[in-house]
């Protein structure tokens, strides 16, 4: 399998480099997503048998004031990539987010649930999904949530840093979702890419870690795993205001993805154990 991957330094891209070191990885210097045409040209010129887009605008709060730029990166660039891949007849795999939903209720969102993003980041990612589908080629849109790893900026690394500095932390307890190890996402993308190269259908799917928990519950698990005595105090979202509105419900129904590709939801507790071990070695 010859792979072209957009992204080098992001959490999923770093894990893809571990699992598929022979793939071609394009960072911002080689293909800047602020230049969608350049990204499309890279696909036109490739001899890859599949393309994975693991690059994105992930600064959720910053997108509130820079929505136009976020929409180019998360919306226009994936659409241009998907059109170029469709022209070559090769699968295009794209990572999306639970933020395309309204975050209401307490039931897991199915892939066909109506989208209604509540912030600029979510709107930019929804635009990308629409562009990928409109391209008409073989594609996989993989929505995920709460991505964590030993790389980049993420909740696990923040909690480990603060937990080592403080005796107590206030963490939101009424936002519920599935933390998802980037390593599991990378592995799932590679498995799906192999299947799609052989003709398996793609579509829009969900993939997140299990069991669902709150940010506060996740924080307590992090402290326990790292043997940090820091106490976690539950607070509501209203006590932790952010520029971008966060969904209270980030639960994702991943059963269709498991049925289609034989990939079960990953246990984030095992992923957390591996992340903490890597960071403390």
C-alpha atoms as a PDB file:
ATOM      1  CA  UNK A   1       0.000   0.000   0.000  1.00  0.00           C
ATOM      2  CA  UNK A   2       1.440   3.341  -1.092  1.00  0.00           C
ATOM      3  CA  UNK A   3       0.153   6.154   1.099  1.00  0.00           C
ATOM      4  CA  UNK A   4       0.250   9.925   0.826  1.00  0.00           C
ATOM      5  CA  UNK A   5      -0.424  11.586   4.183  1.00  0.00           C
ATOM      6  CA  UNK A   6      -1.087  15.258   4.739  1.00  0.00           C
ATOM      7  CA  UNK A   7       0.342  16.177   8.142  1.00  0.00           C
ATOM      8  CA  UNK A   8       3.617  15.570   9.958  1.00  0.00           C
ATOM      9  CA  UNK A   9       3.513  17.030  13.443  1.00  0.00           C
ATOM     10  CA  UNK A  10      -0.106  16.481  14.502  1.00  0.00           C
ATOM     11  CA  UNK A  11      -1.092  13.748  16.928  1.00  0.00           C
ATOM     12  CA  UNK A  12      -2.510  11.315  14.370  1.00  0.00           C
ATOM     13  CA  UNK A  13       0.194  12.084  11.791  1.00  0.00           C
ATOM     14  CA  UNK A  14       2.903  11.276  14.328  1.00  0.00           C
ATOM     15  CA  UNK A  15       1.281   7.923  15.061  1.00  0.00           C
ATOM     16  CA  UNK A  16       0.893   7.203  11.347  1.00  0.00           C
ATOM     17  CA  UNK A  17       4.643   7.744  10.961  1.00  0.00           C
ATOM     18  CA  UNK A  18       5.226   5.035  13.555  1.00  0.00           C
ATOM     19  CA  UNK A  19       2.876   2.566  11.913  1.00  0.00           C
ATOM     20  CA  UNK A  20       3.567   3.380   8.257  1.00  0.00           C
ATOM     21  CA  UNK A  21       7.101   4.812   8.054  1.00  0.00           C
ATOM     22  CA  UNK A  22       7.277   4.165   4.308  1.00  0.00           C
ATOM     23  CA  UNK A  23       4.363   6.494   3.569  1.00  0.00           C
ATOM     24  CA  UNK A  24       4.965   9.954   2.116  1.00  0.00           C
ATOM     25  CA  UNK A  25       4.211  12.654   4.702  1.00  0.00           C
ATOM     26  CA  UNK A  26       3.597  16.236   3.677  1.00  0.00           C
ATOM     27  CA  UNK A  27       3.893  18.933   6.314  1.00  0.00           C
ATOM     28  CA  UNK A  28       3.114  22.619   6.006  1.00  0.00           C
ATOM     29  CA  UNK A  29       6.364  23.268   4.123  1.00  0.00           C
ATOM     30  CA  UNK A  30       5.448  20.755   1.426  1.00  0.00           C
ATOM     31  CA  UNK A  31       1.692  21.401   1.264  1.00  0.00           C
ATOM     32  CA  UNK A  32       0.125  24.244   3.243  1.00  0.00           C
ATOM     33  CA  UNK A  33      -3.610  23.702   3.742  1.00  0.00           C
ATOM     34  CA  UNK A  34      -4.065  27.462   3.435  1.00  0.00           C
ATOM     35  CA  UNK A  35      -3.280  26.807  -0.251  1.00  0.00           C
ATOM     36  CA  UNK A  36      -5.861  24.193  -1.301  1.00  0.00           C
ATOM     37  CA  UNK A  37      -4.711  24.208  -4.930  1.00  0.00           C
ATOM     38  CA  UNK A  38      -1.185  23.204  -3.910  1.00  0.00           C
ATOM     39  CA  UNK A  39      -2.582  20.324  -1.871  1.00  0.00           C
ATOM     40  CA  UNK A  40      -4.607  19.163  -4.866  1.00  0.00           C
ATOM     41  CA  UNK A  41      -1.548  19.322  -7.108  1.00  0.00           C
ATOM     42  CA  UNK A  42       0.377  17.106  -4.685  1.00  0.00           C
ATOM     43  CA  UNK A  43      -2.302  14.448  -5.043  1.00  0.00           C
ATOM     44  CA  UNK A  44      -2.398  14.792  -8.816  1.00  0.00           C
ATOM     45  CA  UNK A  45       1.360  14.201  -8.924  1.00  0.00           C
ATOM     46  CA  UNK A  46       1.405  11.233  -6.534  1.00  0.00           C
ATOM     47  CA  UNK A  47       1.534   7.540  -7.385  1.00  0.00           C
ATOM     48  CA  UNK A  48      -0.059   6.704  -4.024  1.00  0.00           C
ATOM     49  CA  UNK A  49      -2.891   4.191  -3.863  1.00  0.00           C
ATOM     50  CA  UNK A  50      -4.681   6.133  -1.087  1.00  0.00           C
ATOM     51  CA  UNK A  51      -4.547   9.566   0.566  1.00  0.00           C
ATOM     52  CA  UNK A  52      -5.043  10.331   4.269  1.00  0.00           C
ATOM     53  CA  UNK A  53      -5.649  13.871   5.459  1.00  0.00           C
ATOM     54  CA  UNK A  54      -4.315  14.037   9.015  1.00  0.00           C
ATOM     55  CA  UNK A  55      -3.778  17.810   8.949  1.00  0.00           C
ATOM     56  CA  UNK A  56      -6.307  20.318  10.260  1.00  0.00           C
ATOM     57  CA  UNK A  57      -6.956  23.568  12.065  1.00  0.00           C
ATOM     58  CA  UNK A  58      -7.475  22.299  15.625  1.00  0.00           C
ATOM     59  CA  UNK A  59      -7.324  25.568  17.611  1.00  0.00           C
ATOM     60  CA  UNK A  60     -11.003  25.571  18.545  1.00  0.00           C
ATOM     61  CA  UNK A  61     -11.127  28.896  20.371  1.00  0.00           C
ATOM     62  CA  UNK A  62      -8.889  30.690  17.871  1.00  0.00           C
ATOM     63  CA  UNK A  63     -11.307  29.704  15.106  1.00  0.00           C
ATOM     64  CA  UNK A  64     -13.929  31.976  16.684  1.00  0.00           C
ATOM     65  CA  UNK A  65     -11.945  35.040  15.591  1.00  0.00           C
ATOM     66  CA  UNK A  66     -10.298  33.497  12.505  1.00  0.00           C
ATOM     67  CA  UNK A  67     -13.159  31.505  11.021  1.00  0.00           C
ATOM     68  CA  UNK A  68     -12.287  32.370   7.412  1.00  0.00           C
ATOM     69  CA  UNK A  69      -8.797  30.882   7.742  1.00  0.00           C
ATOM     70  CA  UNK A  70     -10.099  27.859   9.677  1.00  0.00           C
ATOM     71  CA  UNK A  71     -12.625  27.238   6.902  1.00  0.00           C
ATOM     72  CA  UNK A  72      -9.920  27.279   4.242  1.00  0.00           C
ATOM     73  CA  UNK A  73      -7.862  24.716   6.189  1.00  0.00           C
ATOM     74  CA  UNK A  74     -10.734  22.512   7.390  1.00  0.00           C
ATOM     75  CA  UNK A  75     -13.183  23.098   4.549  1.00  0.00           C
ATOM     76  CA  UNK A  76     -11.713  24.193   1.240  1.00  0.00           C
ATOM     77  CA  UNK A  77      -8.454  22.232   1.420  1.00  0.00           C
ATOM     78  CA  UNK A  78     -10.054  18.819   2.111  1.00  0.00           C
ATOM     79  CA  UNK A  79     -12.586  19.485  -0.644  1.00  0.00           C
ATOM     80  CA  UNK A  80      -9.781  20.242  -3.120  1.00  0.00           C
ATOM     81  CA  UNK A  81      -7.870  17.150  -1.994  1.00  0.00           C
ATOM     82  CA  UNK A  82     -10.952  14.965  -2.367  1.00  0.00           C
ATOM     83  CA  UNK A  83     -11.606  16.238  -5.903  1.00  0.00           C
ATOM     84  CA  UNK A  84      -8.008  15.481  -6.890  1.00  0.00           C
ATOM     85  CA  UNK A  85      -8.203  11.997  -5.357  1.00  0.00           C
ATOM     86  CA  UNK A  86     -11.557  11.383  -7.066  1.00  0.00           C
ATOM     87  CA  UNK A  87     -10.039  12.322 -10.420  1.00  0.00           C
ATOM     88  CA  UNK A  88      -7.432   9.607  -9.888  1.00  0.00           C
ATOM     89  CA  UNK A  89      -9.954   7.125  -8.537  1.00  0.00           C
ATOM     90  CA  UNK A  90      -8.076   6.595  -5.266  1.00  0.00           C
ATOM     91  CA  UNK A  91      -9.571   6.549  -1.742  1.00  0.00           C
ATOM     92  CA  UNK A  92      -9.426   9.746   0.293  1.00  0.00           C
ATOM     93  CA  UNK A  93      -9.606   9.359   4.087  1.00  0.00           C
ATOM     94  CA  UNK A  94     -10.405  12.427   6.164  1.00  0.00           C
ATOM     95  CA  UNK A  95     -10.661  12.993   9.926  1.00  0.00           C
ATOM     96  CA  UNK A  96     -13.617  14.958  11.256  1.00  0.00           C
ATOM     97  CA  UNK A  97     -15.136  15.656  14.656  1.00  0.00           C
ATOM     98  CA  UNK A  98     -18.114  15.346  16.981  1.00  0.00           C
ATOM     99  CA  UNK A  99     -18.251  19.164  16.920  1.00  0.00           C
ATOM    100  CA  UNK A 100     -20.348  18.964  13.731  1.00  0.00           C
ATOM    101  CA  UNK A 101     -23.290  18.059  16.017  1.00  0.00           C
ATOM    102  CA  UNK A 102     -25.230  20.287  18.399  1.00  0.00           C
ATOM    103  CA  UNK A 103     -24.053  18.421  21.502  1.00  0.00           C
ATOM    104  CA  UNK A 104     -27.572  18.069  22.865  1.00  0.00           C
ATOM    105  CA  UNK A 105     -29.153  15.109  24.647  1.00  0.00           C
ATOM    106  CA  UNK A 106     -27.470  12.129  26.218  1.00  0.00           C
ATOM    107  CA  UNK A 107     -27.584   9.539  23.439  1.00  0.00           C
ATOM    108  CA  UNK A 108     -24.636   8.688  21.140  1.00  0.00           C
ATOM    109  CA  UNK A 109     -24.803  10.449  17.784  1.00  0.00           C
ATOM    110  CA  UNK A 110     -25.151   8.146  14.769  1.00  0.00           C
ATOM    111  CA  UNK A 111     -23.360   9.033  11.517  1.00  0.00           C
ATOM    112  CA  UNK A 112     -26.630  10.039   9.849  1.00  0.00           C
ATOM    113  CA  UNK A 113     -27.766  12.330  12.678  1.00  0.00           C
ATOM    114  CA  UNK A 114     -28.378  15.903  11.391  1.00  0.00           C
ATOM    115  CA  UNK A 115     -25.360  18.179  11.783  1.00  0.00           C
ATOM    116  CA  UNK A 116     -25.742  21.483  13.616  1.00  0.00           C
ATOM    117  CA  UNK A 117     -22.336  22.812  14.722  1.00  0.00           C
ATOM    118  CA  UNK A 118     -22.357  25.285  17.590  1.00  0.00           C
ATOM    119  CA  UNK A 119     -19.021  27.005  16.959  1.00  0.00           C
ATOM    120  CA  UNK A 120     -16.729  28.173  14.158  1.00  0.00           C
ATOM    121  CA  UNK A 121     -14.481  25.118  14.358  1.00  0.00           C
ATOM    122  CA  UNK A 122     -17.469  22.820  13.967  1.00  0.00           C
ATOM    123  CA  UNK A 123     -18.744  24.833  11.000  1.00  0.00           C
ATOM    124  CA  UNK A 124     -15.327  24.647   9.311  1.00  0.00           C
ATOM    125  CA  UNK A 125     -15.192  20.871   9.766  1.00  0.00           C
ATOM    126  CA  UNK A 126     -18.743  20.462   8.469  1.00  0.00           C
ATOM    127  CA  UNK A 127     -17.739  22.410   5.361  1.00  0.00           C
ATOM    128  CA  UNK A 128     -14.904  19.939   4.846  1.00  0.00           C
ATOM    129  CA  UNK A 129     -17.245  16.977   5.148  1.00  0.00           C
ATOM    130  CA  UNK A 130     -19.613  18.483   2.595  1.00  0.00           C
ATOM    131  CA  UNK A 131     -16.756  19.145   0.169  1.00  0.00           C
ATOM    132  CA  UNK A 132     -15.373  15.628   0.492  1.00  0.00           C
ATOM    133  CA  UNK A 133     -18.753  14.059  -0.201  1.00  0.00           C
ATOM    134  CA  UNK A 134     -19.440  16.404  -3.122  1.00  0.00           C
ATOM    135  CA  UNK A 135     -16.163  15.355  -4.797  1.00  0.00           C
ATOM    136  CA  UNK A 136     -17.854  12.061  -5.614  1.00  0.00           C
ATOM    137  CA  UNK A 137     -14.856   9.764  -5.210  1.00  0.00           C
ATOM    138  CA  UNK A 138     -14.242   6.864  -2.815  1.00  0.00           C
ATOM    139  CA  UNK A 139     -13.876   8.468   0.602  1.00  0.00           C
ATOM    140  CA  UNK A 140     -13.987   7.885   4.338  1.00  0.00           C
ATOM    141  CA  UNK A 141     -14.975  10.660   6.732  1.00  0.00           C
ATOM    142  CA  UNK A 142     -13.995   9.464  10.196  1.00  0.00           C
ATOM    143  CA  UNK A 143     -15.473  11.535  13.012  1.00  0.00           C
ATOM    144  CA  UNK A 144     -13.689  11.215  16.323  1.00  0.00           C
ATOM    145  CA  UNK A 145     -13.465  12.989  19.683  1.00  0.00           C
ATOM    146  CA  UNK A 146     -11.130  14.011  22.494  1.00  0.00           C
ATOM    147  CA  UNK A 147      -7.895  12.965  20.760  1.00  0.00           C
ATOM    148  CA  UNK A 148      -4.925  12.311  23.051  1.00  0.00           C
ATOM    149  CA  UNK A 149      -1.334  11.108  22.680  1.00  0.00           C
ATOM    150  CA  UNK A 150       2.172  11.714  23.960  1.00  0.00           C
ATOM    151  CA  UNK A 151       2.612  14.400  21.285  1.00  0.00           C
ATOM    152  CA  UNK A 152       1.390  17.935  20.802  1.00  0.00           C
ATOM    153  CA  UNK A 153      -1.034  19.792  23.050  1.00  0.00           C
ATOM    154  CA  UNK A 154      -3.834  17.697  24.523  1.00  0.00           C
ATOM    155  CA  UNK A 155      -5.779  17.071  27.713  1.00  0.00           C
ATOM    156  CA  UNK A 156      -3.572  14.277  29.053  1.00  0.00           C
ATOM    157  CA  UNK A 157      -0.401  16.341  28.824  1.00  0.00           C
ATOM    158  CA  UNK A 158      -2.099  19.376  30.345  1.00  0.00           C
ATOM    159  CA  UNK A 159      -3.452  17.347  33.278  1.00  0.00           C
ATOM    160  CA  UNK A 160      -0.082  15.717  33.925  1.00  0.00           C
ATOM    161  CA  UNK A 161       1.615  19.107  34.015  1.00  0.00           C
ATOM    162  CA  UNK A 162      -0.984  20.760  36.245  1.00  0.00           C
ATOM    163  CA  UNK A 163      -1.393  17.674  38.422  1.00  0.00           C
ATOM    164  CA  UNK A 164       2.307  17.763  39.245  1.00  0.00           C
ATOM    165  CA  UNK A 165       2.070  21.448  40.197  1.00  0.00           C
ATOM    166  CA  UNK A 166      -1.182  21.633  42.175  1.00  0.00           C
ATOM    167  CA  UNK A 167      -2.997  19.849  44.984  1.00  0.00           C
ATOM    168  CA  UNK A 168      -6.462  20.296  43.447  1.00  0.00           C
ATOM    169  CA  UNK A 169      -7.919  21.048  40.010  1.00  0.00           C
ATOM    170  CA  UNK A 170     -11.411  22.072  38.946  1.00  0.00           C
ATOM    171  CA  UNK A 171     -12.481  20.114  35.849  1.00  0.00           C
ATOM    172  CA  UNK A 172     -15.741  20.171  33.883  1.00  0.00           C
ATOM    173  CA  UNK A 173     -17.967  17.218  34.738  1.00  0.00           C
ATOM    174  CA  UNK A 174     -21.039  17.741  32.535  1.00  0.00           C
ATOM    175  CA  UNK A 175     -19.374  17.305  29.143  1.00  0.00           C
ATOM    176  CA  UNK A 176     -19.431  13.603  28.237  1.00  0.00           C
ATOM    177  CA  UNK A 177     -17.532  11.845  25.460  1.00  0.00           C
ATOM    178  CA  UNK A 178     -15.030   9.197  24.485  1.00  0.00           C
ATOM    179  CA  UNK A 179     -11.314  10.000  24.803  1.00  0.00           C
ATOM    180  CA  UNK A 180      -9.588   8.577  21.734  1.00  0.00           C
ATOM    181  CA  UNK A 181      -5.893   7.629  21.518  1.00  0.00           C
ATOM    182  CA  UNK A 182      -4.317   9.005  18.355  1.00  0.00           C
ATOM    183  CA  UNK A 183      -2.532   5.670  17.921  1.00  0.00           C
ATOM    184  CA  UNK A 184      -5.899   3.919  17.646  1.00  0.00           C
ATOM    185  CA  UNK A 185      -7.119   6.436  15.066  1.00  0.00           C
ATOM    186  CA  UNK A 186      -3.975   5.933  12.989  1.00  0.00           C
ATOM    187  CA  UNK A 187      -4.341   2.166  13.119  1.00  0.00           C
ATOM    188  CA  UNK A 188      -8.020   2.400  12.161  1.00  0.00           C
ATOM    189  CA  UNK A 189      -7.233   4.656   9.192  1.00  0.00           C
ATOM    190  CA  UNK A 190      -4.594   2.266   7.887  1.00  0.00           C
ATOM    191  CA  UNK A 191      -6.925  -0.716   8.198  1.00  0.00           C
ATOM    192  CA  UNK A 192      -9.710   1.167   6.443  1.00  0.00           C
ATOM    193  CA  UNK A 193      -7.367   2.392   3.702  1.00  0.00           C
ATOM    194  CA  UNK A 194      -6.265  -1.168   2.906  1.00  0.00           C
ATOM    195  CA  UNK A 195      -9.879  -2.294   2.685  1.00  0.00           C
ATOM    196  CA  UNK A 196     -10.900   0.634   0.504  1.00  0.00           C
ATOM    197  CA  UNK A 197      -7.998   0.082  -1.901  1.00  0.00           C
ATOM    198  CA  UNK A 198      -9.422  -3.410  -2.370  1.00  0.00           C
ATOM    199  CA  UNK A 199     -12.842  -1.945  -3.129  1.00  0.00           C
ATOM    200  CA  UNK A 200     -14.589  -1.731   0.232  1.00  0.00           C
ATOM    201  CA  UNK A 201     -17.042   1.186   0.503  1.00  0.00           C
ATOM    202  CA  UNK A 202     -16.243   4.105   2.771  1.00  0.00           C
ATOM    203  CA  UNK A 203     -18.758   6.769   3.741  1.00  0.00           C
ATOM    204  CA  UNK A 204     -19.179   8.697   6.997  1.00  0.00           C
ATOM    205  CA  UNK A 205     -18.292   6.823  10.174  1.00  0.00           C
ATOM    206  CA  UNK A 206     -17.625   7.354  13.872  1.00  0.00           C
ATOM    207  CA  UNK A 207     -14.660   6.167  15.926  1.00  0.00           C
ATOM    208  CA  UNK A 208     -14.064   7.117  19.553  1.00  0.00           C
ATOM    209  CA  UNK A 209     -12.687   5.549  22.699  1.00  0.00           C
ATOM    210  CA  UNK A 210     -14.695   3.641  25.277  1.00  0.00           C
ATOM    211  CA  UNK A 211     -16.060   3.892  27.930  1.00  0.00           C
ATOM    212  CA  UNK A 212     -17.667   7.316  27.665  1.00  0.00           C
ATOM    213  CA  UNK A 213     -16.720   9.583  30.550  1.00  0.00           C
ATOM    214  CA  UNK A 214     -16.587  13.225  31.625  1.00  0.00           C
ATOM    215  CA  UNK A 215     -13.536  15.444  31.447  1.00  0.00           C
ATOM    216  CA  UNK A 216     -13.423  15.256  35.254  1.00  0.00           C
ATOM    217  CA  UNK A 217     -13.632  11.473  35.186  1.00  0.00           C
ATOM    218  CA  UNK A 218     -10.898  11.352  32.579  1.00  0.00           C
ATOM    219  CA  UNK A 219      -8.753  13.696  34.681  1.00  0.00           C
ATOM    220  CA  UNK A 220      -9.108  11.447  37.722  1.00  0.00           C
ATOM    221  CA  UNK A 221      -8.030   8.443  35.641  1.00  0.00           C
ATOM    222  CA  UNK A 222      -4.976  10.387  34.457  1.00  0.00           C
ATOM    223  CA  UNK A 223      -3.959  11.261  38.027  1.00  0.00           C
ATOM    224  CA  UNK A 224      -4.391   7.636  39.114  1.00  0.00           C
ATOM    225  CA  UNK A 225      -2.381   6.284  36.182  1.00  0.00           C
ATOM    226  CA  UNK A 226       0.450   8.750  36.829  1.00  0.00           C
ATOM    227  CA  UNK A 227       0.345   8.272  40.625  1.00  0.00           C
ATOM    228  CA  UNK A 228      -0.318  11.971  41.177  1.00  0.00           C
ATOM    229  CA  UNK A 229      -2.130  12.940  44.407  1.00  0.00           C
ATOM    230  CA  UNK A 230      -3.910  15.902  42.795  1.00  0.00           C
ATOM    231  CA  UNK A 231      -7.624  15.968  43.693  1.00  0.00           C
ATOM    232  CA  UNK A 232     -10.153  16.629  40.909  1.00  0.00           C
ATOM    233  CA  UNK A 233     -13.190  18.765  41.773  1.00  0.00           C
ATOM    234  CA  UNK A 234     -16.234  18.528  39.501  1.00  0.00           C
ATOM    235  CA  UNK A 235     -17.521  21.813  38.057  1.00  0.00           C
ATOM    236  CA  UNK A 236     -20.191  22.619  35.450  1.00  0.00           C
ATOM    237  CA  UNK A 237     -19.344  24.056  32.041  1.00  0.00           C
ATOM    238  CA  UNK A 238     -20.758  27.405  33.159  1.00  0.00           C
ATOM    239  CA  UNK A 239     -17.854  27.757  35.594  1.00  0.00           C
ATOM    240  CA  UNK A 240     -15.262  27.281  32.832  1.00  0.00           C
ATOM    241  CA  UNK A 241     -16.262  29.681  30.032  1.00  0.00           C
ATOM    242  CA  UNK A 242     -14.398  29.480  26.714  1.00  0.00           C
ATOM    243  CA  UNK A 243     -14.644  31.605  23.541  1.00  0.00           C
ATOM    244  CA  UNK A 244     -16.039  28.636  21.606  1.00  0.00           C
ATOM    245  CA  UNK A 245     -19.095  26.818  22.909  1.00  0.00           C
ATOM    246  CA  UNK A 246     -18.281  23.201  23.805  1.00  0.00           C
ATOM    247  CA  UNK A 247     -20.792  20.359  23.310  1.00  0.00           C
ATOM    248  CA  UNK A 248     -22.163  18.776  26.468  1.00  0.00           C
ATOM    249  CA  UNK A 249     -22.721  15.510  24.595  1.00  0.00           C
ATOM    250  CA  UNK A 250     -19.828  14.174  22.525  1.00  0.00           C
ATOM    251  CA  UNK A 251     -20.911  10.536  22.609  1.00  0.00           C
ATOM    252  CA  UNK A 252     -20.536   8.798  19.232  1.00  0.00           C
ATOM    253  CA  UNK A 253     -22.245   5.621  18.028  1.00  0.00           C
ATOM    254  CA  UNK A 254     -19.388   3.695  16.413  1.00  0.00           C
ATOM    255  CA  UNK A 255     -21.239   0.456  15.651  1.00  0.00           C
ATOM    256  CA  UNK A 256     -21.427   1.028  11.881  1.00  0.00           C
ATOM    257  CA  UNK A 257     -17.648   1.439  11.652  1.00  0.00           C
ATOM    258  CA  UNK A 258     -17.111  -1.758  13.619  1.00  0.00           C
ATOM    259  CA  UNK A 259     -19.497  -3.607  11.311  1.00  0.00           C
ATOM    260  CA  UNK A 260     -17.943  -2.199   8.134  1.00  0.00           C
ATOM    261  CA  UNK A 261     -14.266  -2.625   8.961  1.00  0.00           C
ATOM    262  CA  UNK A 262     -14.148  -4.985  11.952  1.00  0.00           C
ATOM    263  CA  UNK A 263     -12.560  -2.322  14.164  1.00  0.00           C
ATOM    264  CA  UNK A 264     -13.958  -2.091  17.707  1.00  0.00           C
ATOM    265  CA  UNK A 265     -13.913   1.036  19.835  1.00  0.00           C
ATOM    266  CA  UNK A 266     -10.524   1.299  21.582  1.00  0.00           C
ATOM    267  CA  UNK A 267     -10.351   1.212  25.380  1.00  0.00           C
ATOM    268  CA  UNK A 268      -8.916   4.619  26.222  1.00  0.00           C
ATOM    269  CA  UNK A 269      -7.705   3.332  29.590  1.00  0.00           C
ATOM    270  CA  UNK A 270      -5.176   1.111  27.796  1.00  0.00           C
ATOM    271  CA  UNK A 271      -4.242   4.019  25.537  1.00  0.00           C
ATOM    272  CA  UNK A 272      -3.785   6.263  28.560  1.00  0.00           C
ATOM    273  CA  UNK A 273      -1.486   3.709  30.178  1.00  0.00           C
ATOM    274  CA  UNK A 274       0.719   3.682  27.053  1.00  0.00           C
ATOM    275  CA  UNK A 275       0.746   7.494  26.804  1.00  0.00           C
ATOM    276  CA  UNK A 276       1.734   8.010  30.444  1.00  0.00           C
ATOM    277  CA  UNK A 277       4.426   5.350  30.130  1.00  0.00           C
ATOM    278  CA  UNK A 278       5.877   7.050  27.051  1.00  0.00           C
ATOM    279  CA  UNK A 279       5.843  10.478  28.679  1.00  0.00           C
ATOM    280  CA  UNK A 280       7.472   9.291  31.903  1.00  0.00           C
ATOM    281  CA  UNK A 281      10.206   7.134  30.391  1.00  0.00           C
END
